[in-house]
């Protein structure tokens, strides 16, 4: 069965589509039986998992786990040119990567830290995600009763969708291992580069608010410094129309964005949450109280 991309846009009360037997196309979608899916089996050792159109490995920032401090690990995705994976709000299609950790007793995994995404696609379907290479970091906290040790035995089951013109669901079982040659410098550099791309709290001087009319949200920011341009990445799906232009305008004491409402938004919202992006490495977390006009 084939459906156009417009036919598979998120319906009004859509909980996320299960994708274990799904092959998405930018123009069509093909439903596959489970027997047609490829089974991807991870191996430890080098841990560079060859999946269709990407490789994923589980890496850590440091060679030891220190008492009372989190061990930062990350899912490192390396994508072929033109292919992408998704942010925590994927936009009009797709799904973000999901991870299930397998940890030793006494260890607990924190939430994934999502770097600043980019807009993907054009026309009536626009998504949010990553191209090239991306590290999805997470802290692993160990027991406070133990001493500093070498790397604990950690593994993860990862599910994802990788897309270009065709979207393919994949999965991998990956295990934490040391870098080739025991050189931690490149891995530490990746974590530092990723931290620079993590969204930051909005400046304390900002005052953010949103006005709701019949078809738009008018998102206003009062800021002390002038801003040349901005774009908004919604944290929640189906609130704004992702493919519509975001009209930016400077104001006397800041700027505003006019955001078209999603046709899937069925009830009023009290807060508009997301990222206000001013440029590379300049993404700020905002939560704007919404009032009706």
C-alpha atoms as a PDB file:
ATOM      1  CA  UNK A   1       0.000   0.000   0.000  1.00  0.00           C
ATOM      2  CA  UNK A   2       1.330   3.447  -0.942  1.00  0.00           C
ATOM      3  CA  UNK A   3       0.291   6.745   0.610  1.00  0.00           C
ATOM      4  CA  UNK A   4       1.359  10.229  -0.325  1.00  0.00           C
ATOM      5  CA  UNK A   5       3.376  12.216   2.225  1.00  0.00           C
ATOM      6  CA  UNK A   6       0.394  14.483   2.796  1.00  0.00           C
ATOM      7  CA  UNK A   7      -1.727  11.474   3.717  1.00  0.00           C
ATOM      8  CA  UNK A   8       0.640  10.457   6.496  1.00  0.00           C
ATOM      9  CA  UNK A   9       1.003  13.847   8.197  1.00  0.00           C
ATOM     10  CA  UNK A  10       0.206  13.600  11.882  1.00  0.00           C
ATOM     11  CA  UNK A  11      -3.567  13.354  12.557  1.00  0.00           C
ATOM     12  CA  UNK A  12      -5.130  15.488  15.245  1.00  0.00           C
ATOM     13  CA  UNK A  13      -4.811  13.198  18.235  1.00  0.00           C
ATOM     14  CA  UNK A  14      -1.932  11.109  16.995  1.00  0.00           C
ATOM     15  CA  UNK A  15       0.217   9.361  19.555  1.00  0.00           C
ATOM     16  CA  UNK A  16       3.521   8.496  17.911  1.00  0.00           C
ATOM     17  CA  UNK A  17       3.360   5.961  15.092  1.00  0.00           C
ATOM     18  CA  UNK A  18       4.959   2.627  15.801  1.00  0.00           C
ATOM     19  CA  UNK A  19       7.708   2.237  13.266  1.00  0.00           C
ATOM     20  CA  UNK A  20       9.064  -1.257  13.654  1.00  0.00           C
ATOM     21  CA  UNK A  21       7.446  -2.286  10.362  1.00  0.00           C
ATOM     22  CA  UNK A  22       7.470   1.034   8.599  1.00  0.00           C
ATOM     23  CA  UNK A  23       9.278   2.292   5.530  1.00  0.00           C
ATOM     24  CA  UNK A  24       8.615   5.965   4.995  1.00  0.00           C
ATOM     25  CA  UNK A  25       9.169   7.817   1.754  1.00  0.00           C
ATOM     26  CA  UNK A  26       9.238  11.541   1.226  1.00  0.00           C
ATOM     27  CA  UNK A  27       6.557  10.949  -1.381  1.00  0.00           C
ATOM     28  CA  UNK A  28       5.170   7.650  -0.221  1.00  0.00           C
ATOM     29  CA  UNK A  29       5.111   5.115   2.575  1.00  0.00           C
ATOM     30  CA  UNK A  30       5.441   1.372   2.280  1.00  0.00           C
ATOM     31  CA  UNK A  31       4.235  -0.927   5.047  1.00  0.00           C
ATOM     32  CA  UNK A  32       6.386  -4.001   5.438  1.00  0.00           C
ATOM     33  CA  UNK A  33       5.789  -7.248   7.283  1.00  0.00           C
ATOM     34  CA  UNK A  34       8.045  -8.101  10.194  1.00  0.00           C
ATOM     35  CA  UNK A  35       9.564 -10.901   8.164  1.00  0.00           C
ATOM     36  CA  UNK A  36      10.908  -8.404   5.650  1.00  0.00           C
ATOM     37  CA  UNK A  37      12.793  -6.411   8.268  1.00  0.00           C
ATOM     38  CA  UNK A  38      16.534  -6.860   8.659  1.00  0.00           C
ATOM     39  CA  UNK A  39      17.752  -7.915  12.087  1.00  0.00           C
ATOM     40  CA  UNK A  40      20.692  -5.851  13.177  1.00  0.00           C
ATOM     41  CA  UNK A  41      22.888  -7.549  15.757  1.00  0.00           C
ATOM     42  CA  UNK A  42      25.480  -5.444  17.593  1.00  0.00           C
ATOM     43  CA  UNK A  43      28.970  -6.534  18.455  1.00  0.00           C
ATOM     44  CA  UNK A  44      31.199  -5.132  21.199  1.00  0.00           C
ATOM     45  CA  UNK A  45      34.858  -4.735  20.146  1.00  0.00           C
ATOM     46  CA  UNK A  46      35.156  -1.613  17.945  1.00  0.00           C
ATOM     47  CA  UNK A  47      31.450  -0.830  18.408  1.00  0.00           C
ATOM     48  CA  UNK A  48      31.091   1.046  15.123  1.00  0.00           C
ATOM     49  CA  UNK A  49      27.770  -0.401  14.068  1.00  0.00           C
ATOM     50  CA  UNK A  50      27.319  -0.493  10.272  1.00  0.00           C
ATOM     51  CA  UNK A  51      23.653   0.250   9.668  1.00  0.00           C
ATOM     52  CA  UNK A  52      22.065   1.344   6.385  1.00  0.00           C
ATOM     53  CA  UNK A  53      23.266   4.901   5.722  1.00  0.00           C
ATOM     54  CA  UNK A  54      24.693   5.497   9.201  1.00  0.00           C
ATOM     55  CA  UNK A  55      27.061   4.133  11.821  1.00  0.00           C
ATOM     56  CA  UNK A  56      26.396   4.386  15.535  1.00  0.00           C
ATOM     57  CA  UNK A  57      28.658   3.684  18.490  1.00  0.00           C
ATOM     58  CA  UNK A  58      28.530   4.144  22.256  1.00  0.00           C
ATOM     59  CA  UNK A  59      31.416   6.277  23.537  1.00  0.00           C
ATOM     60  CA  UNK A  60      32.400   7.889  26.836  1.00  0.00           C
ATOM     61  CA  UNK A  61      34.150  11.140  27.686  1.00  0.00           C
ATOM     62  CA  UNK A  62      36.669   9.644  30.093  1.00  0.00           C
ATOM     63  CA  UNK A  63      38.345   6.303  30.802  1.00  0.00           C
ATOM     64  CA  UNK A  64      37.210   6.072  34.430  1.00  0.00           C
ATOM     65  CA  UNK A  65      34.049   6.576  36.429  1.00  0.00           C
ATOM     66  CA  UNK A  66      34.801   8.907  39.359  1.00  0.00           C
ATOM     67  CA  UNK A  67      33.172   8.729  42.771  1.00  0.00           C
ATOM     68  CA  UNK A  68      30.212  11.086  43.021  1.00  0.00           C
ATOM     69  CA  UNK A  69      30.519  12.335  39.443  1.00  0.00           C
ATOM     70  CA  UNK A  70      28.496  11.261  36.410  1.00  0.00           C
ATOM     71  CA  UNK A  71      30.125   9.350  33.613  1.00  0.00           C
ATOM     72  CA  UNK A  72      29.149  11.100  30.386  1.00  0.00           C
ATOM     73  CA  UNK A  73      28.444   8.720  27.542  1.00  0.00           C
ATOM     74  CA  UNK A  74      26.972   9.347  24.132  1.00  0.00           C
ATOM     75  CA  UNK A  75      25.380   7.765  21.088  1.00  0.00           C
ATOM     76  CA  UNK A  76      27.603   8.898  18.222  1.00  0.00           C
ATOM     77  CA  UNK A  77      25.754   8.831  14.883  1.00  0.00           C
ATOM     78  CA  UNK A  78      27.773   9.237  11.675  1.00  0.00           C
ATOM     79  CA  UNK A  79      25.470   9.673   8.687  1.00  0.00           C
ATOM     80  CA  UNK A  80      26.073   9.364   4.994  1.00  0.00           C
ATOM     81  CA  UNK A  81      25.767  12.657   3.053  1.00  0.00           C
ATOM     82  CA  UNK A  82      22.130  13.670   2.542  1.00  0.00           C
ATOM     83  CA  UNK A  83      20.742  11.385   5.272  1.00  0.00           C
ATOM     84  CA  UNK A  84      19.390  12.558   8.627  1.00  0.00           C
ATOM     85  CA  UNK A  85      17.968  11.466  11.971  1.00  0.00           C
ATOM     86  CA  UNK A  86      15.487  13.369  14.135  1.00  0.00           C
ATOM     87  CA  UNK A  87      15.390  15.771  17.081  1.00  0.00           C
ATOM     88  CA  UNK A  88      13.161  15.146  20.127  1.00  0.00           C
ATOM     89  CA  UNK A  89      10.325  16.897  18.237  1.00  0.00           C
ATOM     90  CA  UNK A  90      10.800  15.420  14.756  1.00  0.00           C
ATOM     91  CA  UNK A  91       8.405  17.839  13.049  1.00  0.00           C
ATOM     92  CA  UNK A  92       5.977  16.635  10.398  1.00  0.00           C
ATOM     93  CA  UNK A  93       7.282  13.065  10.098  1.00  0.00           C
ATOM     94  CA  UNK A  94       9.769  10.613  11.550  1.00  0.00           C
ATOM     95  CA  UNK A  95      10.688   9.680  15.122  1.00  0.00           C
ATOM     96  CA  UNK A  96      13.602  10.617  17.407  1.00  0.00           C
ATOM     97  CA  UNK A  97      16.089   7.911  18.387  1.00  0.00           C
ATOM     98  CA  UNK A  98      15.029   5.827  21.378  1.00  0.00           C
ATOM     99  CA  UNK A  99      17.486   4.148  23.775  1.00  0.00           C
ATOM    100  CA  UNK A 100      17.074   1.417  26.345  1.00  0.00           C
ATOM    101  CA  UNK A 101      20.083   1.185  28.658  1.00  0.00           C
ATOM    102  CA  UNK A 102      21.542  -2.022  30.090  1.00  0.00           C
ATOM    103  CA  UNK A 103      23.448  -0.883  33.187  1.00  0.00           C
ATOM    104  CA  UNK A 104      25.184  -2.601  36.107  1.00  0.00           C
ATOM    105  CA  UNK A 105      23.433  -2.631  39.472  1.00  0.00           C
ATOM    106  CA  UNK A 106      23.649   0.752  41.164  1.00  0.00           C
ATOM    107  CA  UNK A 107      23.927   2.781  37.943  1.00  0.00           C
ATOM    108  CA  UNK A 108      21.216   5.118  36.661  1.00  0.00           C
ATOM    109  CA  UNK A 109      21.031   6.861  33.263  1.00  0.00           C
ATOM    110  CA  UNK A 110      19.951  10.482  32.953  1.00  0.00           C
ATOM    111  CA  UNK A 111      18.022  11.955  30.053  1.00  0.00           C
ATOM    112  CA  UNK A 112      19.529  12.576  26.632  1.00  0.00           C
ATOM    113  CA  UNK A 113      20.886  16.070  26.018  1.00  0.00           C
ATOM    114  CA  UNK A 114      19.699  17.137  22.550  1.00  0.00           C
ATOM    115  CA  UNK A 115      22.012  19.476  20.598  1.00  0.00           C
ATOM    116  CA  UNK A 116      20.647  22.341  18.535  1.00  0.00           C
ATOM    117  CA  UNK A 117      18.768  20.862  15.537  1.00  0.00           C
ATOM    118  CA  UNK A 118      18.356  22.127  11.994  1.00  0.00           C
ATOM    119  CA  UNK A 119      15.283  22.436   9.766  1.00  0.00           C
ATOM    120  CA  UNK A 120      15.009  19.647   7.208  1.00  0.00           C
ATOM    121  CA  UNK A 121      12.899  19.341   4.086  1.00  0.00           C
ATOM    122  CA  UNK A 122      10.871  21.822   2.096  1.00  0.00           C
ATOM    123  CA  UNK A 123       7.386  22.374   0.746  1.00  0.00           C
ATOM    124  CA  UNK A 124       4.542  21.221   2.958  1.00  0.00           C
ATOM    125  CA  UNK A 125       6.654  18.814   5.060  1.00  0.00           C
ATOM    126  CA  UNK A 126       9.391  20.188   7.328  1.00  0.00           C
ATOM    127  CA  UNK A 127      11.198  18.202   9.996  1.00  0.00           C
ATOM    128  CA  UNK A 128      13.783  18.902  12.708  1.00  0.00           C
ATOM    129  CA  UNK A 129      16.920  16.825  13.093  1.00  0.00           C
ATOM    130  CA  UNK A 130      20.582  16.250  12.354  1.00  0.00           C
ATOM    131  CA  UNK A 131      22.810  15.586   9.374  1.00  0.00           C
ATOM    132  CA  UNK A 132      26.463  14.590   9.115  1.00  0.00           C
ATOM    133  CA  UNK A 133      27.447  13.669  12.658  1.00  0.00           C
ATOM    134  CA  UNK A 134      25.730  14.116  16.003  1.00  0.00           C
ATOM    135  CA  UNK A 135      26.477  13.012  19.556  1.00  0.00           C
ATOM    136  CA  UNK A 136      23.485  12.433  21.834  1.00  0.00           C
ATOM    137  CA  UNK A 137      24.943  12.714  25.351  1.00  0.00           C
ATOM    138  CA  UNK A 138      23.596  11.281  28.606  1.00  0.00           C
ATOM    139  CA  UNK A 139      24.986  11.151  32.160  1.00  0.00           C
ATOM    140  CA  UNK A 140      25.385   7.804  33.903  1.00  0.00           C
ATOM    141  CA  UNK A 141      25.435   8.090  37.699  1.00  0.00           C
ATOM    142  CA  UNK A 142      27.016   5.309  39.720  1.00  0.00           C
ATOM    143  CA  UNK A 143      26.632   4.227  43.304  1.00  0.00           C
ATOM    144  CA  UNK A 144      28.033   6.700  45.848  1.00  0.00           C
ATOM    145  CA  UNK A 145      29.433   3.817  47.878  1.00  0.00           C
ATOM    146  CA  UNK A 146      31.966   2.691  45.318  1.00  0.00           C
ATOM    147  CA  UNK A 147      35.416   4.033  44.457  1.00  0.00           C
ATOM    148  CA  UNK A 148      36.646   5.335  41.111  1.00  0.00           C
ATOM    149  CA  UNK A 149      36.863   2.456  38.643  1.00  0.00           C
ATOM    150  CA  UNK A 150      37.654   1.731  35.060  1.00  0.00           C
ATOM    151  CA  UNK A 151      34.785   1.927  32.587  1.00  0.00           C
ATOM    152  CA  UNK A 152      31.741  -0.019  33.784  1.00  0.00           C
ATOM    153  CA  UNK A 153      30.113  -2.558  31.522  1.00  0.00           C
ATOM    154  CA  UNK A 154      27.406  -0.572  29.721  1.00  0.00           C
ATOM    155  CA  UNK A 155      25.339  -1.382  26.654  1.00  0.00           C
ATOM    156  CA  UNK A 156      22.301   0.047  24.924  1.00  0.00           C
ATOM    157  CA  UNK A 157      19.581  -0.958  22.503  1.00  0.00           C
ATOM    158  CA  UNK A 158      18.980   1.907  20.092  1.00  0.00           C
ATOM    159  CA  UNK A 159      16.081   2.351  17.669  1.00  0.00           C
ATOM    160  CA  UNK A 160      16.004   5.134  15.106  1.00  0.00           C
ATOM    161  CA  UNK A 161      14.717   6.241  11.725  1.00  0.00           C
ATOM    162  CA  UNK A 162      17.208   7.442   9.109  1.00  0.00           C
ATOM    163  CA  UNK A 163      15.842   9.416   6.155  1.00  0.00           C
ATOM    164  CA  UNK A 164      16.664  10.941   2.811  1.00  0.00           C
ATOM    165  CA  UNK A 165      14.096  10.458   0.044  1.00  0.00           C
ATOM    166  CA  UNK A 166      13.349   7.149   1.754  1.00  0.00           C
ATOM    167  CA  UNK A 167      13.102   6.692   5.529  1.00  0.00           C
ATOM    168  CA  UNK A 168      14.298   3.403   7.003  1.00  0.00           C
ATOM    169  CA  UNK A 169      13.799   2.196  10.583  1.00  0.00           C
ATOM    170  CA  UNK A 170      16.837   0.594  12.169  1.00  0.00           C
ATOM    171  CA  UNK A 171      18.124  -0.737  15.450  1.00  0.00           C
ATOM    172  CA  UNK A 172      21.455  -1.610  17.007  1.00  0.00           C
ATOM    173  CA  UNK A 173      22.811  -3.175  20.166  1.00  0.00           C
ATOM    174  CA  UNK A 174      25.975  -1.309  21.148  1.00  0.00           C
ATOM    175  CA  UNK A 175      28.441  -1.728  24.012  1.00  0.00           C
ATOM    176  CA  UNK A 176      30.714   0.846  25.615  1.00  0.00           C
ATOM    177  CA  UNK A 177      34.366   0.290  24.784  1.00  0.00           C
ATOM    178  CA  UNK A 178      37.650   2.198  24.743  1.00  0.00           C
ATOM    179  CA  UNK A 179      38.784   4.262  21.757  1.00  0.00           C
ATOM    180  CA  UNK A 180      41.197   2.781  19.253  1.00  0.00           C
ATOM    181  CA  UNK A 181      44.724   2.952  20.620  1.00  0.00           C
ATOM    182  CA  UNK A 182      43.439   4.178  23.978  1.00  0.00           C
ATOM    183  CA  UNK A 183      43.509   7.800  22.805  1.00  0.00           C
ATOM    184  CA  UNK A 184      40.672   9.662  24.580  1.00  0.00           C
ATOM    185  CA  UNK A 185      41.494  13.101  23.164  1.00  0.00           C
ATOM    186  CA  UNK A 186      39.218  12.882  20.066  1.00  0.00           C
ATOM    187  CA  UNK A 187      36.300  11.600  22.149  1.00  0.00           C
ATOM    188  CA  UNK A 188      36.746  14.334  24.778  1.00  0.00           C
ATOM    189  CA  UNK A 189      36.798  16.891  21.958  1.00  0.00           C
ATOM    190  CA  UNK A 190      33.487  15.518  20.616  1.00  0.00           C
ATOM    191  CA  UNK A 191      31.833  15.965  24.008  1.00  0.00           C
ATOM    192  CA  UNK A 192      33.144  19.521  24.313  1.00  0.00           C
ATOM    193  CA  UNK A 193      31.963  20.385  20.794  1.00  0.00           C
ATOM    194  CA  UNK A 194      28.537  18.943  21.587  1.00  0.00           C
ATOM    195  CA  UNK A 195      28.244  20.908  24.840  1.00  0.00           C
ATOM    196  CA  UNK A 196      28.792  24.080  22.820  1.00  0.00           C
ATOM    197  CA  UNK A 197      25.753  23.113  20.706  1.00  0.00           C
ATOM    198  CA  UNK A 198      23.433  22.346  23.621  1.00  0.00           C
ATOM    199  CA  UNK A 199      20.595  24.843  24.110  1.00  0.00           C
ATOM    200  CA  UNK A 200      21.149  27.255  26.980  1.00  0.00           C
ATOM    201  CA  UNK A 201      18.668  28.854  29.364  1.00  0.00           C
ATOM    202  CA  UNK A 202      17.278  32.095  27.975  1.00  0.00           C
ATOM    203  CA  UNK A 203      19.167  35.197  29.168  1.00  0.00           C
ATOM    204  CA  UNK A 204      17.833  36.539  32.444  1.00  0.00           C
ATOM    205  CA  UNK A 205      17.154  39.879  30.744  1.00  0.00           C
ATOM    206  CA  UNK A 206      14.714  38.328  28.246  1.00  0.00           C
ATOM    207  CA  UNK A 207      10.975  38.621  28.768  1.00  0.00           C
ATOM    208  CA  UNK A 208       9.116  36.168  26.557  1.00  0.00           C
ATOM    209  CA  UNK A 209       5.374  36.116  25.892  1.00  0.00           C
ATOM    210  CA  UNK A 210       2.965  34.868  23.238  1.00  0.00           C
ATOM    211  CA  UNK A 211      -0.374  36.147  22.010  1.00  0.00           C
ATOM    212  CA  UNK A 212      -2.805  33.763  20.343  1.00  0.00           C
ATOM    213  CA  UNK A 213      -5.218  34.849  17.654  1.00  0.00           C
ATOM    214  CA  UNK A 214      -7.340  32.693  15.370  1.00  0.00           C
ATOM    215  CA  UNK A 215      -4.536  31.579  13.045  1.00  0.00           C
ATOM    216  CA  UNK A 216      -1.231  32.631  14.639  1.00  0.00           C
ATOM    217  CA  UNK A 217       0.951  32.856  17.701  1.00  0.00           C
ATOM    218  CA  UNK A 218       2.760  36.182  18.005  1.00  0.00           C
ATOM    219  CA  UNK A 219       5.890  35.321  20.007  1.00  0.00           C
ATOM    220  CA  UNK A 220       7.561  38.405  21.496  1.00  0.00           C
ATOM    221  CA  UNK A 221      10.953  38.709  23.186  1.00  0.00           C
ATOM    222  CA  UNK A 222      12.093  41.771  25.095  1.00  0.00           C
ATOM    223  CA  UNK A 223      15.890  41.801  24.991  1.00  0.00           C
ATOM    224  CA  UNK A 224      18.566  44.321  25.927  1.00  0.00           C
ATOM    225  CA  UNK A 225      20.667  43.694  22.807  1.00  0.00           C
ATOM    226  CA  UNK A 226      19.549  43.875  19.198  1.00  0.00           C
ATOM    227  CA  UNK A 227      18.874  40.642  17.330  1.00  0.00           C
ATOM    228  CA  UNK A 228      19.315  40.418  13.552  1.00  0.00           C
ATOM    229  CA  UNK A 229      17.233  37.286  13.067  1.00  0.00           C
ATOM    230  CA  UNK A 230      15.669  34.363  14.924  1.00  0.00           C
ATOM    231  CA  UNK A 231      13.740  31.156  14.352  1.00  0.00           C
ATOM    232  CA  UNK A 232      11.625  29.063  16.693  1.00  0.00           C
ATOM    233  CA  UNK A 233      11.816  25.278  17.085  1.00  0.00           C
ATOM    234  CA  UNK A 234       8.744  24.026  18.991  1.00  0.00           C
ATOM    235  CA  UNK A 235       9.319  21.459  21.700  1.00  0.00           C
ATOM    236  CA  UNK A 236       5.827  20.002  21.321  1.00  0.00           C
ATOM    237  CA  UNK A 237       4.483  18.647  18.009  1.00  0.00           C
ATOM    238  CA  UNK A 238       1.305  19.883  16.319  1.00  0.00           C
ATOM    239  CA  UNK A 239       1.345  23.400  17.756  1.00  0.00           C
ATOM    240  CA  UNK A 240       2.776  25.440  14.887  1.00  0.00           C
ATOM    241  CA  UNK A 241       2.780  24.799  11.156  1.00  0.00           C
ATOM    242  CA  UNK A 242       6.391  23.713  10.679  1.00  0.00           C
ATOM    243  CA  UNK A 243       6.490  24.471   6.950  1.00  0.00           C
ATOM    244  CA  UNK A 244       5.124  28.021   7.130  1.00  0.00           C
ATOM    245  CA  UNK A 245       7.530  30.989   7.088  1.00  0.00           C
ATOM    246  CA  UNK A 246       8.278  32.508  10.477  1.00  0.00           C
ATOM    247  CA  UNK A 247       7.912  36.263  10.048  1.00  0.00           C
ATOM    248  CA  UNK A 248      10.657  38.014  12.051  1.00  0.00           C
ATOM    249  CA  UNK A 249      10.472  41.685  12.934  1.00  0.00           C
ATOM    250  CA  UNK A 250      12.674  43.777  15.244  1.00  0.00           C
ATOM    251  CA  UNK A 251      10.877  45.891  17.827  1.00  0.00           C
ATOM    252  CA  UNK A 252      11.933  48.891  19.887  1.00  0.00           C
ATOM    253  CA  UNK A 253      13.088  46.670  22.750  1.00  0.00           C
ATOM    254  CA  UNK A 254      13.542  43.250  21.181  1.00  0.00           C
ATOM    255  CA  UNK A 255      11.904  41.237  18.396  1.00  0.00           C
ATOM    256  CA  UNK A 256       8.859  39.170  17.524  1.00  0.00           C
ATOM    257  CA  UNK A 257       8.015  36.140  15.421  1.00  0.00           C
ATOM    258  CA  UNK A 258       4.641  35.424  13.834  1.00  0.00           C
ATOM    259  CA  UNK A 259       4.029  31.667  13.800  1.00  0.00           C
ATOM    260  CA  UNK A 260       1.164  30.061  11.927  1.00  0.00           C
ATOM    261  CA  UNK A 261      -0.817  27.602  14.019  1.00  0.00           C
ATOM    262  CA  UNK A 262      -0.876  23.945  13.077  1.00  0.00           C
ATOM    263  CA  UNK A 263      -4.140  22.709  11.601  1.00  0.00           C
ATOM    264  CA  UNK A 264      -3.716  19.802  14.069  1.00  0.00           C
ATOM    265  CA  UNK A 265      -3.947  22.096  17.109  1.00  0.00           C
ATOM    266  CA  UNK A 266      -7.384  21.325  18.521  1.00  0.00           C
ATOM    267  CA  UNK A 267      -7.413  23.148  21.855  1.00  0.00           C
ATOM    268  CA  UNK A 268      -5.807  26.228  23.419  1.00  0.00           C
ATOM    269  CA  UNK A 269      -2.364  25.924  24.990  1.00  0.00           C
ATOM    270  CA  UNK A 270      -1.113  27.771  28.052  1.00  0.00           C
ATOM    271  CA  UNK A 271       2.598  27.796  27.203  1.00  0.00           C
ATOM    272  CA  UNK A 272       4.571  27.784  23.966  1.00  0.00           C
ATOM    273  CA  UNK A 273       7.833  25.952  24.680  1.00  0.00           C
ATOM    274  CA  UNK A 274      10.802  25.443  22.427  1.00  0.00           C
ATOM    275  CA  UNK A 275      14.142  26.811  21.263  1.00  0.00           C
ATOM    276  CA  UNK A 276      14.762  30.363  20.110  1.00  0.00           C
ATOM    277  CA  UNK A 277      17.664  30.035  17.689  1.00  0.00           C
ATOM    278  CA  UNK A 278      19.709  33.111  16.843  1.00  0.00           C
ATOM    279  CA  UNK A 279      22.473  31.313  14.934  1.00  0.00           C
ATOM    280  CA  UNK A 280      24.904  28.344  15.177  1.00  0.00           C
ATOM    281  CA  UNK A 281      25.558  27.532  18.825  1.00  0.00           C
ATOM    282  CA  UNK A 282      23.025  30.180  19.928  1.00  0.00           C
ATOM    283  CA  UNK A 283      19.913  28.220  20.859  1.00  0.00           C
ATOM    284  CA  UNK A 284      17.986  29.276  23.965  1.00  0.00           C
ATOM    285  CA  UNK A 285      15.241  27.441  25.840  1.00  0.00           C
ATOM    286  CA  UNK A 286      12.083  29.520  26.105  1.00  0.00           C
ATOM    287  CA  UNK A 287       8.649  29.009  27.606  1.00  0.00           C
ATOM    288  CA  UNK A 288       6.196  31.738  26.663  1.00  0.00           C
ATOM    289  CA  UNK A 289       2.895  32.135  28.525  1.00  0.00           C
ATOM    290  CA  UNK A 290       0.111  32.309  25.930  1.00  0.00           C
ATOM    291  CA  UNK A 291      -2.757  34.776  26.196  1.00  0.00           C
ATOM    292  CA  UNK A 292      -5.652  35.024  23.767  1.00  0.00           C
ATOM    293  CA  UNK A 293      -6.387  38.164  21.855  1.00  0.00           C
END
